[in-house]
Amino acid sequence: YADFARGRFLISRDNAKNTVYLQM
């Protein structure tokens, strides 16, 4: 995570759905 994102944003992926997420 970039410094500005750490603690606020969360990245995740679901390879079964070929999808990456960014929770902000």
mmCIF file of all heavy atoms, coordinates in Angstrom:
data_MODEL
# 
_entry.id   MODEL 
# 
loop_
_atom_site.group_PDB 
_atom_site.id 
_atom_site.type_symbol 
_atom_site.label_atom_id 
_atom_site.label_alt_id 
_atom_site.label_comp_id 
_atom_site.label_asym_id 
_atom_site.label_entity_id 
_atom_site.label_seq_id 
_atom_site.pdbx_PDB_ins_code 
_atom_site.Cartn_x 
_atom_site.Cartn_y 
_atom_site.Cartn_z 
_atom_site.occupancy 
_atom_site.B_iso_or_equiv 
_atom_site.pdbx_formal_charge 
_atom_site.auth_seq_id 
_atom_site.auth_comp_id 
_atom_site.auth_asym_id 
_atom_site.auth_atom_id 
_atom_site.pdbx_PDB_model_num 
ATOM 1   N N   . TYR A 1 1  ? 0.826   -1.193  0.000   1.00 0.00 ? 1  TYR A N   1 
ATOM 2   C CA  . TYR A 1 1  ? 0.000   0.000   0.000   1.00 0.00 ? 1  TYR A CA  1 
ATOM 3   C C   . TYR A 1 1  ? 0.864   1.247   0.000   1.00 0.00 ? 1  TYR A C   1 
ATOM 4   O O   . TYR A 1 1  ? 1.895   1.305   0.686   1.00 0.00 ? 1  TYR A O   1 
ATOM 5   C CB  . TYR A 1 1  ? -0.901  0.045   1.232   1.00 0.00 ? 1  TYR A CB  1 
ATOM 6   C CG  . TYR A 1 1  ? -1.917  -1.069  1.302   1.00 0.00 ? 1  TYR A CG  1 
ATOM 7   C CD1 . TYR A 1 1  ? -1.632  -2.253  1.976   1.00 0.00 ? 1  TYR A CD1 1 
ATOM 8   C CD2 . TYR A 1 1  ? -3.157  -0.930  0.701   1.00 0.00 ? 1  TYR A CD2 1 
ATOM 9   C CE1 . TYR A 1 1  ? -2.559  -3.272  2.039   1.00 0.00 ? 1  TYR A CE1 1 
ATOM 10  C CE2 . TYR A 1 1  ? -4.092  -1.948  0.760   1.00 0.00 ? 1  TYR A CE2 1 
ATOM 11  C CZ  . TYR A 1 1  ? -3.790  -3.118  1.431   1.00 0.00 ? 1  TYR A CZ  1 
ATOM 12  O OH  . TYR A 1 1  ? -4.712  -4.130  1.495   1.00 0.00 ? 1  TYR A OH  1 
ATOM 13  N N   . ALA A 1 2  ? 0.438   2.234   -0.746  1.00 0.00 ? 2  ALA A N   1 
ATOM 14  C CA  . ALA A 1 2  ? 1.034   3.548   -0.614  1.00 0.00 ? 2  ALA A CA  1 
ATOM 15  C C   . ALA A 1 2  ? 0.747   4.090   0.782   1.00 0.00 ? 2  ALA A C   1 
ATOM 16  O O   . ALA A 1 2  ? -0.222  3.685   1.435   1.00 0.00 ? 2  ALA A O   1 
ATOM 17  C CB  . ALA A 1 2  ? 0.462   4.494   -1.676  1.00 0.00 ? 2  ALA A CB  1 
ATOM 18  N N   . ASP A 1 3  ? 1.582   5.014   1.228   1.00 0.00 ? 3  ASP A N   1 
ATOM 19  C CA  . ASP A 1 3  ? 1.411   5.550   2.569   1.00 0.00 ? 3  ASP A CA  1 
ATOM 20  C C   . ASP A 1 3  ? 0.021   6.150   2.780   1.00 0.00 ? 3  ASP A C   1 
ATOM 21  O O   . ASP A 1 3  ? -0.575  6.000   3.849   1.00 0.00 ? 3  ASP A O   1 
ATOM 22  C CB  . ASP A 1 3  ? 2.482   6.600   2.858   1.00 0.00 ? 3  ASP A CB  1 
ATOM 23  C CG  . ASP A 1 3  ? 3.859   6.003   3.062   1.00 0.00 ? 3  ASP A CG  1 
ATOM 24  O OD1 . ASP A 1 3  ? 3.955   4.781   3.304   1.00 0.00 ? 3  ASP A OD1 1 
ATOM 25  O OD2 . ASP A 1 3  ? 4.843   6.759   2.990   1.00 0.00 ? 3  ASP A OD2 1 
ATOM 26  N N   . PHE A 1 4  ? -0.483  6.830   1.771   1.00 0.00 ? 4  PHE A N   1 
ATOM 27  C CA  . PHE A 1 4  ? -1.781  7.475   1.917   1.00 0.00 ? 4  PHE A CA  1 
ATOM 28  C C   . PHE A 1 4  ? -2.920  6.466   1.999   1.00 0.00 ? 4  PHE A C   1 
ATOM 29  O O   . PHE A 1 4  ? -4.012  6.793   2.471   1.00 0.00 ? 4  PHE A O   1 
ATOM 30  C CB  . PHE A 1 4  ? -2.035  8.461   0.764   1.00 0.00 ? 4  PHE A CB  1 
ATOM 31  C CG  . PHE A 1 4  ? -2.179  7.816   -0.587  1.00 0.00 ? 4  PHE A CG  1 
ATOM 32  C CD1 . PHE A 1 4  ? -3.369  7.234   -0.982  1.00 0.00 ? 4  PHE A CD1 1 
ATOM 33  C CD2 . PHE A 1 4  ? -1.111  7.809   -1.476  1.00 0.00 ? 4  PHE A CD2 1 
ATOM 34  C CE1 . PHE A 1 4  ? -3.505  6.648   -2.225  1.00 0.00 ? 4  PHE A CE1 1 
ATOM 35  C CE2 . PHE A 1 4  ? -1.229  7.224   -2.726  1.00 0.00 ? 4  PHE A CE2 1 
ATOM 36  C CZ  . PHE A 1 4  ? -2.436  6.639   -3.095  1.00 0.00 ? 4  PHE A CZ  1 
ATOM 37  N N   . ALA A 1 5  ? -2.674  5.251   1.527   1.00 0.00 ? 5  ALA A N   1 
ATOM 38  C CA  . ALA A 1 5  ? -3.718  4.232   1.491   1.00 0.00 ? 5  ALA A CA  1 
ATOM 39  C C   . ALA A 1 5  ? -3.682  3.280   2.679   1.00 0.00 ? 5  ALA A C   1 
ATOM 40  O O   . ALA A 1 5  ? -4.720  2.711   3.054   1.00 0.00 ? 5  ALA A O   1 
ATOM 41  C CB  . ALA A 1 5  ? -3.603  3.423   0.194   1.00 0.00 ? 5  ALA A CB  1 
ATOM 42  N N   . ARG A 1 6  ? -2.533  3.109   3.248   1.00 0.00 ? 6  ARG A N   1 
ATOM 43  C CA  . ARG A 1 6  ? -2.355  2.139   4.324   1.00 0.00 ? 6  ARG A CA  1 
ATOM 44  C C   . ARG A 1 6  ? -3.240  2.475   5.517   1.00 0.00 ? 6  ARG A C   1 
ATOM 45  O O   . ARG A 1 6  ? -3.240  3.598   6.013   1.00 0.00 ? 6  ARG A O   1 
ATOM 46  C CB  . ARG A 1 6  ? -0.891  2.090   4.741   1.00 0.00 ? 6  ARG A CB  1 
ATOM 47  C CG  . ARG A 1 6  ? -0.560  0.937   5.687   1.00 0.00 ? 6  ARG A CG  1 
ATOM 48  C CD  . ARG A 1 6  ? 0.945   0.836   5.932   1.00 0.00 ? 6  ARG A CD  1 
ATOM 49  N NE  . ARG A 1 6  ? 1.677   0.547   4.701   1.00 0.00 ? 6  ARG A NE  1 
ATOM 50  C CZ  . ARG A 1 6  ? 2.453   1.419   4.069   1.00 0.00 ? 6  ARG A CZ  1 
ATOM 51  N NH1 . ARG A 1 6  ? 2.621   2.642   4.559   1.00 0.00 ? 6  ARG A NH1 1 
ATOM 52  N NH2 . ARG A 1 6  ? 3.071   1.071   2.956   1.00 0.00 ? 6  ARG A NH2 1 
ATOM 53  N N   . GLY A 1 7  ? -4.005  1.494   5.959   1.00 0.00 ? 7  GLY A N   1 
ATOM 54  C CA  . GLY A 1 7  ? -4.913  1.694   7.074   1.00 0.00 ? 7  GLY A CA  1 
ATOM 55  C C   . GLY A 1 7  ? -6.292  2.164   6.683   1.00 0.00 ? 7  GLY A C   1 
ATOM 56  O O   . GLY A 1 7  ? -7.213  2.119   7.510   1.00 0.00 ? 7  GLY A O   1 
ATOM 57  N N   . ARG A 1 8  ? -6.455  2.626   5.453   1.00 0.00 ? 8  ARG A N   1 
ATOM 58  C CA  . ARG A 1 8  ? -7.756  3.090   4.976   1.00 0.00 ? 8  ARG A CA  1 
ATOM 59  C C   . ARG A 1 8  ? -8.307  2.228   3.849   1.00 0.00 ? 8  ARG A C   1 
ATOM 60  O O   . ARG A 1 8  ? -9.516  2.037   3.753   1.00 0.00 ? 8  ARG A O   1 
ATOM 61  C CB  . ARG A 1 8  ? -7.676  4.542   4.489   1.00 0.00 ? 8  ARG A CB  1 
ATOM 62  C CG  . ARG A 1 8  ? -7.298  5.544   5.546   1.00 0.00 ? 8  ARG A CG  1 
ATOM 63  C CD  . ARG A 1 8  ? -7.520  6.967   5.051   1.00 0.00 ? 8  ARG A CD  1 
ATOM 64  N NE  . ARG A 1 8  ? -6.701  7.268   3.872   1.00 0.00 ? 8  ARG A NE  1 
ATOM 65  C CZ  . ARG A 1 8  ? -7.192  7.742   2.724   1.00 0.00 ? 8  ARG A CZ  1 
ATOM 66  N NH1 . ARG A 1 8  ? -8.490  7.968   2.593   1.00 0.00 ? 8  ARG A NH1 1 
ATOM 67  N NH2 . ARG A 1 8  ? -6.370  8.006   1.714   1.00 0.00 ? 8  ARG A NH2 1 
ATOM 68  N N   . PHE A 1 9  ? -7.419  1.742   2.998   1.00 0.00 ? 9  PHE A N   1 
ATOM 69  C CA  . PHE A 1 9  ? -7.816  0.946   1.842   1.00 0.00 ? 9  PHE A CA  1 
ATOM 70  C C   . PHE A 1 9  ? -7.394  -0.503  2.044   1.00 0.00 ? 9  PHE A C   1 
ATOM 71  O O   . PHE A 1 9  ? -6.408  -0.789  2.736   1.00 0.00 ? 9  PHE A O   1 
ATOM 72  C CB  . PHE A 1 9  ? -7.169  1.465   0.558   1.00 0.00 ? 9  PHE A CB  1 
ATOM 73  C CG  . PHE A 1 9  ? -7.526  2.874   0.185   1.00 0.00 ? 9  PHE A CG  1 
ATOM 74  C CD1 . PHE A 1 9  ? -6.881  3.485   -0.876  1.00 0.00 ? 9  PHE A CD1 1 
ATOM 75  C CD2 . PHE A 1 9  ? -8.495  3.584   0.869   1.00 0.00 ? 9  PHE A CD2 1 
ATOM 76  C CE1 . PHE A 1 9  ? -7.194  4.781   -1.245  1.00 0.00 ? 9  PHE A CE1 1 
ATOM 77  C CE2 . PHE A 1 9  ? -8.819  4.888   0.513   1.00 0.00 ? 9  PHE A CE2 1 
ATOM 78  C CZ  . PHE A 1 9  ? -8.166  5.482   -0.547  1.00 0.00 ? 9  PHE A CZ  1 
ATOM 79  N N   . LEU A 1 10 ? -8.127  -1.409  1.417   1.00 0.00 ? 10 LEU A N   1 
ATOM 80  C CA  . LEU A 1 10 ? -7.811  -2.827  1.491   1.00 0.00 ? 10 LEU A CA  1 
ATOM 81  C C   . LEU A 1 10 ? -7.959  -3.451  0.113   1.00 0.00 ? 10 LEU A C   1 
ATOM 82  O O   . LEU A 1 10 ? -9.024  -3.367  -0.496  1.00 0.00 ? 10 LEU A O   1 
ATOM 83  C CB  . LEU A 1 10 ? -8.722  -3.545  2.488   1.00 0.00 ? 10 LEU A CB  1 
ATOM 84  C CG  . LEU A 1 10 ? -8.463  -5.038  2.687   1.00 0.00 ? 10 LEU A CG  1 
ATOM 85  C CD1 . LEU A 1 10 ? -7.104  -5.258  3.347   1.00 0.00 ? 10 LEU A CD1 1 
ATOM 86  C CD2 . LEU A 1 10 ? -9.568  -5.667  3.520   1.00 0.00 ? 10 LEU A CD2 1 
ATOM 87  N N   . ILE A 1 11 ? -6.888  -4.063  -0.370  1.00 0.00 ? 11 ILE A N   1 
ATOM 88  C CA  . ILE A 1 11 ? -6.930  -4.743  -1.652  1.00 0.00 ? 11 ILE A CA  1 
ATOM 89  C C   . ILE A 1 11 ? -7.155  -6.232  -1.423  1.00 0.00 ? 11 ILE A C   1 
ATOM 90  O O   . ILE A 1 11 ? -6.660  -6.813  -0.451  1.00 0.00 ? 11 ILE A O   1 
ATOM 91  C CB  . ILE A 1 11 ? -5.632  -4.493  -2.457  1.00 0.00 ? 11 ILE A CB  1 
ATOM 92  C CG1 . ILE A 1 11 ? -5.776  -4.981  -3.902  1.00 0.00 ? 11 ILE A CG1 1 
ATOM 93  C CG2 . ILE A 1 11 ? -4.425  -5.132  -1.786  1.00 0.00 ? 11 ILE A CG2 1 
ATOM 94  C CD1 . ILE A 1 11 ? -4.623  -4.541  -4.806  1.00 0.00 ? 11 ILE A CD1 1 
ATOM 95  N N   . SER A 1 12 ? -7.909  -6.849  -2.305  1.00 0.00 ? 12 SER A N   1 
ATOM 96  C CA  . SER A 1 12 ? -8.144  -8.285  -2.234  1.00 0.00 ? 12 SER A CA  1 
ATOM 97  C C   . SER A 1 12 ? -8.413  -8.806  -3.636  1.00 0.00 ? 12 SER A C   1 
ATOM 98  O O   . SER A 1 12 ? -8.641  -8.027  -4.565  1.00 0.00 ? 12 SER A O   1 
ATOM 99  C CB  . SER A 1 12 ? -9.318  -8.612  -1.298  1.00 0.00 ? 12 SER A CB  1 
ATOM 100 O OG  . SER A 1 12 ? -10.521 -8.030  -1.771  1.00 0.00 ? 12 SER A OG  1 
ATOM 101 N N   . ARG A 1 13 ? -8.372  -10.111 -3.792  1.00 0.00 ? 13 ARG A N   1 
ATOM 102 C CA  . ARG A 1 13 ? -8.672  -10.696 -5.095  1.00 0.00 ? 13 ARG A CA  1 
ATOM 103 C C   . ARG A 1 13 ? -9.402  -12.008 -4.922  1.00 0.00 ? 13 ARG A C   1 
ATOM 104 O O   . ARG A 1 13 ? -9.215  -12.729 -3.932  1.00 0.00 ? 13 ARG A O   1 
ATOM 105 C CB  . ARG A 1 13 ? -7.400  -10.882 -5.934  1.00 0.00 ? 13 ARG A CB  1 
ATOM 106 C CG  . ARG A 1 13 ? -6.427  -11.929 -5.418  1.00 0.00 ? 13 ARG A CG  1 
ATOM 107 C CD  . ARG A 1 13 ? -5.100  -11.858 -6.169  1.00 0.00 ? 13 ARG A CD  1 
ATOM 108 N NE  . ARG A 1 13 ? -5.243  -12.234 -7.572  1.00 0.00 ? 13 ARG A NE  1 
ATOM 109 C CZ  . ARG A 1 13 ? -4.310  -12.014 -8.505  1.00 0.00 ? 13 ARG A CZ  1 
ATOM 110 N NH1 . ARG A 1 13 ? -3.176  -11.403 -8.176  1.00 0.00 ? 13 ARG A NH1 1 
ATOM 111 N NH2 . ARG A 1 13 ? -4.521  -12.397 -9.760  1.00 0.00 ? 13 ARG A NH2 1 
ATOM 112 N N   . ASP A 1 14 ? -10.230 -12.315 -5.897  1.00 0.00 ? 14 ASP A N   1 
ATOM 113 C CA  . ASP A 1 14 ? -10.944 -13.574 -5.965  1.00 0.00 ? 14 ASP A CA  1 
ATOM 114 C C   . ASP A 1 14 ? -10.612 -14.168 -7.325  1.00 0.00 ? 14 ASP A C   1 
ATOM 115 O O   . ASP A 1 14 ? -11.218 -13.811 -8.339  1.00 0.00 ? 14 ASP A O   1 
ATOM 116 C CB  . ASP A 1 14 ? -12.449 -13.362 -5.797  1.00 0.00 ? 14 ASP A CB  1 
ATOM 117 C CG  . ASP A 1 14 ? -13.225 -14.662 -5.745  1.00 0.00 ? 14 ASP A CG  1 
ATOM 118 O OD1 . ASP A 1 14 ? -12.674 -15.719 -6.138  1.00 0.00 ? 14 ASP A OD1 1 
ATOM 119 O OD2 . ASP A 1 14 ? -14.392 -14.633 -5.308  1.00 0.00 ? 14 ASP A OD2 1 
ATOM 120 N N   . ASN A 1 15 ? -9.635  -15.056 -7.336  1.00 0.00 ? 15 ASN A N   1 
ATOM 121 C CA  . ASN A 1 15 ? -9.180  -15.597 -8.612  1.00 0.00 ? 15 ASN A CA  1 
ATOM 122 C C   . ASN A 1 15 ? -10.239 -16.451 -9.299  1.00 0.00 ? 15 ASN A C   1 
ATOM 123 O O   . ASN A 1 15 ? -10.234 -16.570 -10.523 1.00 0.00 ? 15 ASN A O   1 
ATOM 124 C CB  . ASN A 1 15 ? -7.892  -16.402 -8.407  1.00 0.00 ? 15 ASN A CB  1 
ATOM 125 C CG  . ASN A 1 15 ? -6.697  -15.518 -8.140  1.00 0.00 ? 15 ASN A CG  1 
ATOM 126 O OD1 . ASN A 1 15 ? -6.681  -14.341 -8.510  1.00 0.00 ? 15 ASN A OD1 1 
ATOM 127 N ND2 . ASN A 1 15 ? -5.677  -16.070 -7.493  1.00 0.00 ? 15 ASN A ND2 1 
ATOM 128 N N   . ALA A 1 16 ? -11.140 -17.036 -8.531  1.00 0.00 ? 16 ALA A N   1 
ATOM 129 C CA  . ALA A 1 16 ? -12.219 -17.813 -9.126  1.00 0.00 ? 16 ALA A CA  1 
ATOM 130 C C   . ALA A 1 16 ? -13.151 -16.930 -9.943  1.00 0.00 ? 16 ALA A C   1 
ATOM 131 O O   . ALA A 1 16 ? -13.816 -17.406 -10.868 1.00 0.00 ? 16 ALA A O   1 
ATOM 132 C CB  . ALA A 1 16 ? -13.009 -18.558 -8.057  1.00 0.00 ? 16 ALA A CB  1 
ATOM 133 N N   . LYS A 1 17 ? -13.217 -15.649 -9.603  1.00 0.00 ? 17 LYS A N   1 
ATOM 134 C CA  . LYS A 1 17 ? -14.051 -14.695 -10.319 1.00 0.00 ? 17 LYS A CA  1 
ATOM 135 C C   . LYS A 1 17 ? -13.246 -13.746 -11.191 1.00 0.00 ? 17 LYS A C   1 
ATOM 136 O O   . LYS A 1 17 ? -13.812 -12.820 -11.773 1.00 0.00 ? 17 LYS A O   1 
ATOM 137 C CB  . LYS A 1 17 ? -14.890 -13.893 -9.335  1.00 0.00 ? 17 LYS A CB  1 
ATOM 138 C CG  . LYS A 1 17 ? -15.881 -14.727 -8.540  1.00 0.00 ? 17 LYS A CG  1 
ATOM 139 C CD  . LYS A 1 17 ? -16.707 -13.857 -7.612  1.00 0.00 ? 17 LYS A CD  1 
ATOM 140 C CE  . LYS A 1 17 ? -17.731 -14.683 -6.866  1.00 0.00 ? 17 LYS A CE  1 
ATOM 141 N NZ  . LYS A 1 17 ? -18.545 -13.850 -5.946  1.00 0.00 ? 17 LYS A NZ  1 
ATOM 142 N N   . ASN A 1 18 ? -11.942 -13.959 -11.268 1.00 0.00 ? 18 ASN A N   1 
ATOM 143 C CA  . ASN A 1 18 ? -11.058 -13.088 -12.049 1.00 0.00 ? 18 ASN A CA  1 
ATOM 144 C C   . ASN A 1 18 ? -11.247 -11.624 -11.677 1.00 0.00 ? 18 ASN A C   1 
ATOM 145 O O   . ASN A 1 18 ? -11.298 -10.740 -12.542 1.00 0.00 ? 18 ASN A O   1 
ATOM 146 C CB  . ASN A 1 18 ? -11.298 -13.282 -13.551 1.00 0.00 ? 18 ASN A CB  1 
ATOM 147 C CG  . ASN A 1 18 ? -10.767 -14.600 -14.073 1.00 0.00 ? 18 ASN A CG  1 
ATOM 148 O OD1 . ASN A 1 18 ? -10.105 -15.350 -13.363 1.00 0.00 ? 18 ASN A OD1 1 
ATOM 149 N ND2 . ASN A 1 18 ? -11.060 -14.892 -15.334 1.00 0.00 ? 18 ASN A ND2 1 
ATOM 150 N N   . THR A 1 19 ? -11.330 -11.372 -10.384 1.00 0.00 ? 19 THR A N   1 
ATOM 151 C CA  . THR A 1 19 ? -11.655 -10.037 -9.912  1.00 0.00 ? 19 THR A CA  1 
ATOM 152 C C   . THR A 1 19 ? -10.700 -9.596  -8.810  1.00 0.00 ? 19 THR A C   1 
ATOM 153 O O   . THR A 1 19 ? -10.367 -10.381 -7.915  1.00 0.00 ? 19 THR A O   1 
ATOM 154 C CB  . THR A 1 19 ? -13.094 -9.979  -9.394  1.00 0.00 ? 19 THR A CB  1 
ATOM 155 O OG1 . THR A 1 19 ? -13.991 -10.382 -10.438 1.00 0.00 ? 19 THR A OG1 1 
ATOM 156 C CG2 . THR A 1 19 ? -13.454 -8.569  -8.960  1.00 0.00 ? 19 THR A CG2 1 
ATOM 157 N N   . VAL A 1 20 ? -10.287 -8.338  -8.880  1.00 0.00 ? 20 VAL A N   1 
ATOM 158 C CA  . VAL A 1 20 ? -9.546  -7.701  -7.813  1.00 0.00 ? 20 VAL A CA  1 
ATOM 159 C C   . VAL A 1 20 ? -10.389 -6.542  -7.290  1.00 0.00 ? 20 VAL A C   1 
ATOM 160 O O   . VAL A 1 20 ? -11.090 -5.877  -8.057  1.00 0.00 ? 20 VAL A O   1 
ATOM 161 C CB  . VAL A 1 20 ? -8.153  -7.227  -8.284  1.00 0.00 ? 20 VAL A CB  1 
ATOM 162 C CG1 . VAL A 1 20 ? -8.262  -6.192  -9.402  1.00 0.00 ? 20 VAL A CG1 1 
ATOM 163 C CG2 . VAL A 1 20 ? -7.341  -6.684  -7.117  1.00 0.00 ? 20 VAL A CG2 1 
ATOM 164 N N   . TYR A 1 21 ? -10.330 -6.315  -5.982  1.00 0.00 ? 21 TYR A N   1 
ATOM 165 C CA  . TYR A 1 21 ? -11.145 -5.304  -5.333  1.00 0.00 ? 21 TYR A CA  1 
ATOM 166 C C   . TYR A 1 21 ? -10.263 -4.283  -4.620  1.00 0.00 ? 21 TYR A C   1 
ATOM 167 O O   . TYR A 1 21 ? -9.131  -4.567  -4.230  1.00 0.00 ? 21 TYR A O   1 
ATOM 168 C CB  . TYR A 1 21 ? -12.067 -5.931  -4.289  1.00 0.00 ? 21 TYR A CB  1 
ATOM 169 C CG  . TYR A 1 21 ? -12.954 -7.026  -4.818  1.00 0.00 ? 21 TYR A CG  1 
ATOM 170 C CD1 . TYR A 1 21 ? -12.564 -8.361  -4.723  1.00 0.00 ? 21 TYR A CD1 1 
ATOM 171 C CD2 . TYR A 1 21 ? -14.181 -6.736  -5.408  1.00 0.00 ? 21 TYR A CD2 1 
ATOM 172 C CE1 . TYR A 1 21 ? -13.372 -9.377  -5.202  1.00 0.00 ? 21 TYR A CE1 1 
ATOM 173 C CE2 . TYR A 1 21 ? -14.994 -7.740  -5.887  1.00 0.00 ? 21 TYR A CE2 1 
ATOM 174 C CZ  . TYR A 1 21 ? -14.592 -9.057  -5.783  1.00 0.00 ? 21 TYR A CZ  1 
ATOM 175 O OH  . TYR A 1 21 ? -15.404 -10.067 -6.257  1.00 0.00 ? 21 TYR A OH  1 
ATOM 176 N N   . LEU A 1 22 ? -10.807 -3.111  -4.436  1.00 0.00 ? 22 LEU A N   1 
ATOM 177 C CA  . LEU A 1 22 ? -10.203 -2.118  -3.570  1.00 0.00 ? 22 LEU A CA  1 
ATOM 178 C C   . LEU A 1 22 ? -11.297 -1.540  -2.684  1.00 0.00 ? 22 LEU A C   1 
ATOM 179 O O   . LEU A 1 22 ? -12.153 -0.790  -3.162  1.00 0.00 ? 22 LEU A O   1 
ATOM 180 C CB  . LEU A 1 22 ? -9.521  -1.002  -4.362  1.00 0.00 ? 22 LEU A CB  1 
ATOM 181 C CG  . LEU A 1 22 ? -8.760  0.020   -3.520  1.00 0.00 ? 22 LEU A CG  1 
ATOM 182 C CD1 . LEU A 1 22 ? -7.524  -0.620  -2.898  1.00 0.00 ? 22 LEU A CD1 1 
ATOM 183 C CD2 . LEU A 1 22 ? -8.366  1.242   -4.342  1.00 0.00 ? 22 LEU A CD2 1 
ATOM 184 N N   . GLN A 1 23 ? -11.278 -1.913  -1.424  1.00 0.00 ? 23 GLN A N   1 
ATOM 185 C CA  . GLN A 1 23 ? -12.184 -1.339  -0.442  1.00 0.00 ? 23 GLN A CA  1 
ATOM 186 C C   . GLN A 1 23 ? -11.575 -0.043  0.062   1.00 0.00 ? 23 GLN A C   1 
ATOM 187 O O   . GLN A 1 23 ? -10.440 -0.034  0.550   1.00 0.00 ? 23 GLN A O   1 
ATOM 188 C CB  . GLN A 1 23 ? -12.404 -2.309  0.716   1.00 0.00 ? 23 GLN A CB  1 
ATOM 189 C CG  . GLN A 1 23 ? -13.292 -1.768  1.828   1.00 0.00 ? 23 GLN A CG  1 
ATOM 190 C CD  . GLN A 1 23 ? -14.723 -1.591  1.402   1.00 0.00 ? 23 GLN A CD  1 
ATOM 191 O OE1 . GLN A 1 23 ? -15.262 -2.430  0.682   1.00 0.00 ? 23 GLN A OE1 1 
ATOM 192 N NE2 . GLN A 1 23 ? -15.346 -0.509  1.831   1.00 0.00 ? 23 GLN A NE2 1 
ATOM 193 N N   . MET A 1 24 ? -12.310 1.037   -0.061  1.00 0.00 ? 24 MET A N   1 
ATOM 194 C CA  . MET A 1 24 ? -11.832 2.352   0.314   1.00 0.00 ? 24 MET A CA  1 
ATOM 195 C C   . MET A 1 24 ? -12.695 2.882   1.453   1.00 0.00 ? 24 MET A C   1 
ATOM 196 O O   . MET A 1 24 ? -13.892 3.105   1.280   1.00 0.00 ? 24 MET A O   1 
ATOM 197 C CB  . MET A 1 24 ? -11.878 3.314   -0.875  1.00 0.00 ? 24 MET A CB  1 
ATOM 198 C CG  . MET A 1 24 ? -11.099 2.828   -2.089  1.00 0.00 ? 24 MET A CG  1 
ATOM 199 S SD  . MET A 1 24 ? -11.384 3.836   -3.582  1.00 0.00 ? 24 MET A SD  1 
ATOM 200 C CE  . MET A 1 24 ? -10.803 5.438   -3.040  1.00 0.00 ? 24 MET A CE  1 
# 
